[in-house]
C-alpha atoms as a PDB file:
ATOM      1  CA  MET A   1       0.281   5.988  -8.377  1.00  0.00           C
ATOM      2  CA  ILE A   2      -1.262   8.413  -6.813  1.00  0.00           C
ATOM      3  CA  ALA A   3      -3.281   9.349  -3.309  1.00  0.00           C
ATOM      4  CA  MET A   4      -6.926   8.916  -2.839  1.00  0.00           C
ATOM      5  CA  PRO A   5      -8.550  12.817  -3.585  1.00  0.00           C
ATOM      6  CA  GLU A   6     -10.372  13.963  -0.862  1.00  0.00           C
ATOM      7  CA  SER A   7     -13.342  14.861  -2.668  1.00  0.00           C
ATOM      8  CA  SER A   8     -15.297  13.392  -6.021  1.00  0.00           C
ATOM      9  CA  ARG A   9     -14.541  16.795  -7.462  1.00  0.00           C
ATOM     10  CA  GLU A  10     -11.364  16.911  -6.917  1.00  0.00           C
ATOM     11  CA  PHE A  11     -10.628  13.611  -8.614  1.00  0.00           C
ATOM     12  CA  ALA A  12     -12.707  14.495 -11.460  1.00  0.00           C
ATOM     13  CA  LYS A  13      -9.637  16.518 -11.931  1.00  0.00           C
ATOM     14  CA  LEU A  14      -7.284  13.366 -12.737  1.00  0.00           C
ATOM     15  CA  THR A  15      -6.700  12.360 -16.473  1.00  0.00           C
ATOM     16  CA  TRP A  16      -4.805   8.918 -15.632  1.00  0.00           C
ATOM     17  CA  ASP A  17      -5.646   5.846 -17.259  1.00  0.00           C
ATOM     18  CA  GLU A  18      -4.946   3.441 -13.989  1.00  0.00           C
ATOM     19  CA  ILE A  19      -5.193   4.383 -10.394  1.00  0.00           C
ATOM     20  CA  LEU A  20      -4.420   2.806  -7.292  1.00  0.00           C
ATOM     21  CA  PRO A  21      -6.096   4.632  -4.456  1.00  0.00           C
ATOM     22  CA  ILE A  22      -3.741   4.662  -1.732  1.00  0.00           C
ATOM     23  CA  TYR A  23      -5.487   5.914   2.039  1.00  0.00           C
ATOM     24  CA  ASN A  24      -3.515   7.945   3.767  1.00  0.00           C
ATOM     25  CA  ASP A  25      -5.503  10.371   5.649  1.00  0.00           C
ATOM     26  CA  TYR A  26      -4.527   8.775   8.919  1.00  0.00           C
ATOM     27  CA  ASN A  27      -1.991   8.977  11.616  1.00  0.00           C
ATOM     28  CA  CYS A  28       1.055   7.504  10.293  1.00  0.00           C
ATOM     29  CA  SER A  29       2.327   7.077  13.967  1.00  0.00           C
ATOM     30  CA  ASN A  30      -1.229   5.185  14.714  1.00  0.00           C
ATOM     31  CA  VAL A  31      -0.280   1.935  12.760  1.00  0.00           C
ATOM     32  CA  VAL A  32      -0.983  -0.372  15.869  1.00  0.00           C
ATOM     33  CA  SER A  33      -3.616  -2.775  16.672  1.00  0.00           C
ATOM     34  CA  TYR A  34      -6.429  -4.569  15.044  1.00  0.00           C
ATOM     35  CA  SER A  35      -9.446  -2.095  15.919  1.00  0.00           C
ATOM     36  CA  THR A  36      -7.239   0.727  14.420  1.00  0.00           C
ATOM     37  CA  GLY A  37      -6.430  -1.463  11.244  1.00  0.00           C
ATOM     38  CA  GLN A  38     -10.168  -1.458  11.060  1.00  0.00           C
ATOM     39  CA  ALA A  39     -10.987   1.823  11.644  1.00  0.00           C
ATOM     40  CA  TYR A  40      -8.524   3.023   8.547  1.00  0.00           C
ATOM     41  CA  ALA A  41     -10.191   0.066   6.047  1.00  0.00           C
ATOM     42  CA  SER A  42     -13.993   1.772   7.233  1.00  0.00           C
ATOM     43  CA  GLU A  43     -12.832   5.030   6.485  1.00  0.00           C
ATOM     44  CA  ALA A  44     -10.553   4.076   3.249  1.00  0.00           C
ATOM     45  CA  THR A  45     -13.665   1.625   1.385  1.00  0.00           C
ATOM     46  CA  ALA A  46     -16.503   4.333   2.474  1.00  0.00           C
ATOM     47  CA  ALA A  47     -14.184   7.238   0.416  1.00  0.00           C
ATOM     48  CA  ALA A  48     -13.587   4.571  -2.003  1.00  0.00           C
ATOM     49  CA  ALA A  49     -17.637   3.596  -2.513  1.00  0.00           C
ATOM     50  CA  GLY A  50     -17.915   7.678  -2.250  1.00  0.00           C
ATOM     51  CA  LEU A  51     -15.476   8.120  -5.252  1.00  0.00           C
ATOM     52  CA  GLY A  52     -17.232   5.512  -7.282  1.00  0.00           C
ATOM     53  CA  ILE A  53     -14.358   3.151  -7.191  1.00  0.00           C
ATOM     54  CA  PRO A  54     -16.040  -0.340  -8.102  1.00  0.00           C
ATOM     55  CA  GLN A  55     -15.488  -3.309  -5.740  1.00  0.00           C
ATOM     56  CA  GLY A  56     -12.544  -5.784  -6.675  1.00  0.00           C
ATOM     57  CA  ARG A  57     -10.265  -2.977  -7.218  1.00  0.00           C
ATOM     58  CA  ALA A  58      -7.297  -2.294  -5.167  1.00  0.00           C
ATOM     59  CA  ILE A  59      -7.044   0.165  -2.224  1.00  0.00           C
ATOM     60  CA  ALA A  60      -3.535   0.305  -0.540  1.00  0.00           C
ATOM     61  CA  ILE A  61      -2.541   1.514   2.942  1.00  0.00           C
ATOM     62  CA  ASP A  62       0.468   3.817   2.949  1.00  0.00           C
ATOM     63  CA  ILE A  63       2.856   2.613   5.936  1.00  0.00           C
ATOM     64  CA  GLU A  64       5.801   4.346   5.833  1.00  0.00           C
ATOM     65  CA  PRO A  65       8.987   3.792   7.594  1.00  0.00           C
ATOM     66  CA  PRO A  66       9.720   5.156  10.891  1.00  0.00           C
ATOM     67  CA  GLY A  67      11.283   8.453  11.044  1.00  0.00           C
ATOM     68  CA  ASP A  68      10.843  11.971  12.273  1.00  0.00           C
ATOM     69  CA  ALA A  69       7.027  12.535  10.188  1.00  0.00           C
ATOM     70  CA  CYS A  70       6.061   9.153  11.517  1.00  0.00           C
ATOM     71  CA  PRO A  71       8.021   7.863  14.479  1.00  0.00           C
ATOM     72  CA  GLY A  72       5.376   5.766  15.567  1.00  0.00           C
ATOM     73  CA  ALA A  73       5.476   3.575  12.562  1.00  0.00           C
ATOM     74  CA  VAL A  74       8.482   1.619  14.147  1.00  0.00           C
ATOM     75  CA  ASN A  75       5.222   0.306  16.245  1.00  0.00           C
ATOM     76  CA  VAL A  76       3.625  -1.236  13.355  1.00  0.00           C
ATOM     77  CA  ASP A  77       1.940  -4.924  14.436  1.00  0.00           C
ATOM     78  CA  SER A  78       0.287  -7.710  12.870  1.00  0.00           C
ATOM     79  CA  GLY A  79      -3.090  -6.909  14.335  1.00  0.00           C
ATOM     80  CA  PHE A  80      -2.961  -3.435  12.229  1.00  0.00           C
ATOM     81  CA  VAL A  81      -2.257  -5.386   9.195  1.00  0.00           C
ATOM     82  CA  THR A  82      -4.574  -8.164   9.807  1.00  0.00           C
ATOM     83  CA  GLY A  83      -7.658  -5.316  10.470  1.00  0.00           C
ATOM     84  CA  TRP A  84      -6.866  -3.441   7.450  1.00  0.00           C
ATOM     85  CA  PHE A  85      -7.307  -6.973   5.577  1.00  0.00           C
ATOM     86  CA  ASP A  86     -10.611  -7.880   7.335  1.00  0.00           C
ATOM     87  CA  GLY A  87     -11.865  -4.473   6.712  1.00  0.00           C
ATOM     88  CA  VAL A  88     -11.009  -3.980   3.463  1.00  0.00           C
ATOM     89  CA  ALA A  89     -11.720  -6.960   2.004  1.00  0.00           C
ATOM     90  CA  ALA A  90     -15.208  -7.297   4.132  1.00  0.00           C
ATOM     91  CA  ALA A  91     -16.334  -4.102   1.963  1.00  0.00           C
ATOM     92  CA  GLY A  92     -15.334  -6.227  -1.327  1.00  0.00           C
ATOM     93  CA  TYR A  93     -11.864  -4.382  -2.341  1.00  0.00           C
ATOM     94  CA  ALA A  94      -8.542  -5.818  -2.558  1.00  0.00           C
ATOM     95  CA  PRO A  95      -6.409  -4.912   0.454  1.00  0.00           C
ATOM     96  CA  VAL A  96      -2.888  -3.471  -0.461  1.00  0.00           C
ATOM     97  CA  TYR A  97      -0.177  -2.760   1.974  1.00  0.00           C
ATOM     98  CA  TYR A  98       1.963  -0.218   0.451  1.00  0.00           C
ATOM     99  CA  GLY A  99       5.796  -0.554   2.971  1.00  0.00           C
ATOM    100  CA  ASN A 100       9.142  -1.644   3.039  1.00  0.00           C
ATOM    101  CA  GLY A 101       9.343  -4.827   1.906  1.00  0.00           C
ATOM    102  CA  THR A 102      12.858  -5.772   3.024  1.00  0.00           C
ATOM    103  CA  ALA A 103      13.220  -8.995   5.366  1.00  0.00           C
ATOM    104  CA  GLY A 104      13.287  -8.158   8.742  1.00  0.00           C
ATOM    105  CA  SER A 105      12.108  -4.324   8.256  1.00  0.00           C
ATOM    106  CA  GLU A 106       9.307  -3.132  10.975  1.00  0.00           C
ATOM    107  CA  PHE A 107       6.696  -3.709   8.173  1.00  0.00           C
ATOM    108  CA  ALA A 108       7.630  -6.845   6.927  1.00  0.00           C
ATOM    109  CA  SER A 109       8.030  -8.417  10.323  1.00  0.00           C
ATOM    110  CA  ALA A 110       4.502  -7.062  10.991  1.00  0.00           C
ATOM    111  CA  TRP A 111       3.241  -8.578   7.782  1.00  0.00           C
ATOM    112  CA  CYS A 112       5.036 -12.145   8.843  1.00  0.00           C
ATOM    113  CA  ALA A 113       3.404 -12.399  12.024  1.00  0.00           C
ATOM    114  CA  ALA A 114       0.051 -11.488  10.720  1.00  0.00           C
ATOM    115  CA  VAL A 115       0.863 -14.451   7.865  1.00  0.00           C
ATOM    116  CA  ALA A 116       1.720 -17.009  10.539  1.00  0.00           C
ATOM    117  CA  ALA A 117      -1.881 -15.837  12.079  1.00  0.00           C
ATOM    118  CA  GLN A 118      -3.839 -15.733   9.267  1.00  0.00           C
ATOM    119  CA  PRO A 119      -2.089 -17.255   6.198  1.00  0.00           C
ATOM    120  CA  SER A 120      -5.083 -16.091   3.643  1.00  0.00           C
ATOM    121  CA  LEU A 121      -3.079 -12.764   3.643  1.00  0.00           C
ATOM    122  CA  LEU A 122      -0.555 -14.188   1.097  1.00  0.00           C
ATOM    123  CA  THR A 123      -3.414 -15.310  -1.466  1.00  0.00           C
ATOM    124  CA  SER A 124      -5.612 -12.464  -0.815  1.00  0.00           C
ATOM    125  CA  ALA A 125      -3.792  -9.309  -0.316  1.00  0.00           C
ATOM    126  CA  PHE A 126      -1.193  -7.533  -2.485  1.00  0.00           C
ATOM    127  CA  LEU A 127       2.225  -6.170  -1.202  1.00  0.00           C
ATOM    128  CA  TRP A 128       4.348  -2.788  -2.806  1.00  0.00           C
ATOM    129  CA  SER A 129       7.384  -2.104  -1.609  1.00  0.00           C
ATOM    130  CA  PHE A 130       9.563   1.095  -1.640  1.00  0.00           C
ATOM    131  CA  GLN A 131      12.704  -0.867  -1.417  1.00  0.00           C
ATOM    132  CA  PRO A 132      15.275  -1.058  -2.586  1.00  0.00           C
ATOM    133  CA  SER A 133      15.431   2.837  -3.139  1.00  0.00           C
ATOM    134  CA  LEU A 134      18.069   3.531  -6.056  1.00  0.00           C
ATOM    135  CA  LEU A 135      19.915   6.342  -7.108  1.00  0.00           C
ATOM    136  CA  GLY A 136      20.373   7.623 -10.534  1.00  0.00           C
ATOM    137  CA  ARG A 137      18.073   8.824 -13.519  1.00  0.00           C
ATOM    138  CA  PHE A 138      15.742   6.716 -14.989  1.00  0.00           C
ATOM    139  CA  SER A 139      13.773   7.103 -17.675  1.00  0.00           C
ATOM    140  CA  LYS A 140      10.726   4.598 -19.119  1.00  0.00           C
ATOM    141  CA  ALA A 141      13.602   2.965 -21.341  1.00  0.00           C
ATOM    142  CA  THR A 142      15.866   3.006 -18.706  1.00  0.00           C
ATOM    143  CA  ALA A 143      14.020   1.541 -15.596  1.00  0.00           C
ATOM    144  CA  PRO A 144      15.974  -1.422 -13.899  1.00  0.00           C
ATOM    145  CA  GLY A 145      14.329  -4.801 -13.901  1.00  0.00           C
ATOM    146  CA  TYR A 146      11.765  -5.659 -11.220  1.00  0.00           C
ATOM    147  CA  SER A 147      13.526  -6.525  -8.246  1.00  0.00           C
ATOM    148  CA  PRO A 148      11.438  -5.319  -5.288  1.00  0.00           C
ATOM    149  CA  ASN A 149      13.279  -6.315  -1.384  1.00  0.00           C
ATOM    150  CA  GLN A 150      10.986  -9.240  -0.506  1.00  0.00           C
ATOM    151  CA  THR A 151       9.522  -9.932   3.310  1.00  0.00           C
ATOM    152  CA  GLN A 152      11.078 -13.514   3.885  1.00  0.00           C
ATOM    153  CA  CYS A 153       7.353 -15.073   4.724  1.00  0.00           C
ATOM    154  CA  GLY A 154       6.272 -14.773   1.353  1.00  0.00           C
ATOM    155  CA  GLY A 155       3.322 -12.793  -0.216  1.00  0.00           C
ATOM    156  CA  ALA A 156       1.816 -10.977  -3.492  1.00  0.00           C
ATOM    157  CA  MET A 157       4.824  -8.448  -3.775  1.00  0.00           C
ATOM    158  CA  VAL A 158       2.962  -6.527  -7.023  1.00  0.00           C
ATOM    159  CA  GLY A 159       4.770  -3.152  -6.654  1.00  0.00           C
ATOM    160  CA  TRP A 160       8.217  -1.646  -6.249  1.00  0.00           C
ATOM    161  CA  GLN A 161       8.675   1.845  -6.018  1.00  0.00           C
ATOM    162  CA  TYR A 162      12.188   1.521  -6.722  1.00  0.00           C
ATOM    163  CA  GLN A 163      12.900   5.826  -7.196  1.00  0.00           C
ATOM    164  CA  ILE A 164      12.108   8.928  -5.266  1.00  0.00           C
ATOM    165  CA  ASP A 165      13.396  11.593  -7.580  1.00  0.00           C
ATOM    166  CA  ASP A 166      14.611  15.200  -6.556  1.00  0.00           C
ATOM    167  CA  GLY A 167      11.652  16.093  -7.275  1.00  0.00           C
ATOM    168  CA  ASP A 168       9.871  13.898  -4.417  1.00  0.00           C
ATOM    169  CA  VAL A 169       8.191  12.226  -7.653  1.00  0.00           C
ATOM    170  CA  ASP A 170       7.883   8.144  -7.351  1.00  0.00           C
ATOM    171  CA  HIS A 171       9.163   6.030  -9.859  1.00  0.00           C
ATOM    172  CA  ASP A 172       6.999   3.085  -9.871  1.00  0.00           C
ATOM    173  CA  GLN A 173       6.735  -0.608 -11.244  1.00  0.00           C
ATOM    174  CA  ALA A 174       3.445  -2.445 -10.995  1.00  0.00           C
ATOM    175  CA  LEU A 175       2.583  -6.644 -12.486  1.00  0.00           C
ATOM    176  CA  SER A 176      -0.692  -6.353 -14.056  1.00  0.00           C
ATOM    177  CA  LYS A 177      -2.142  -8.753 -11.824  1.00  0.00           C
ATOM    178  CA  LEU A 178      -2.503  -5.589  -9.358  1.00  0.00           C
ATOM    179  CA  PRO A 179      -6.499  -4.501  -9.469  1.00  0.00           C
ATOM    180  CA  LEU A 180      -6.059  -1.019 -10.582  1.00  0.00           C
ATOM    181  CA  TRP A 181      -9.083   1.225 -11.250  1.00  0.00           C
ATOM    182  CA  PHE A 182      -9.615   2.077 -14.802  1.00  0.00           C
ATOM    183  CA  PRO A 183     -12.481   5.133 -13.999  1.00  0.00           C
END
């Protein structure tokens, strides 16, 4: 999993076979309101198009947990979730949310409220949970079985960041139905 590069020149240096573009060039404490979600979606999809990412591929928004770096993330709301969905989908991309999928978490609560208002999110958006975050040392051969925390109200939970190691490297698993980009 990598973050969306800032320029196509920088992007050309990457050599992975499959890429999940993650939009993170925004204020992680400002994840409130439909208009904010739509504005971020517009910026993300314009960047994706500029990089040559074809429509139909996933574009994720990184909704970090509330903390010192993103204290306002505690306020993520259903309007923001719906705004991101509507903006990304309208541009022809697949909306993905990277957040805490644990039932009752700030993100899961916002997701469930958005789903109650717009049930199409359940079948047209994707979720990637960073919980539970496991301790220990894993290799490809010793990776845990796929078991991300669930939101309680459904959704296509297609990815799980099961660990961040000491070097701040993510260890992730994804299901094959996640529409990754194969440049």
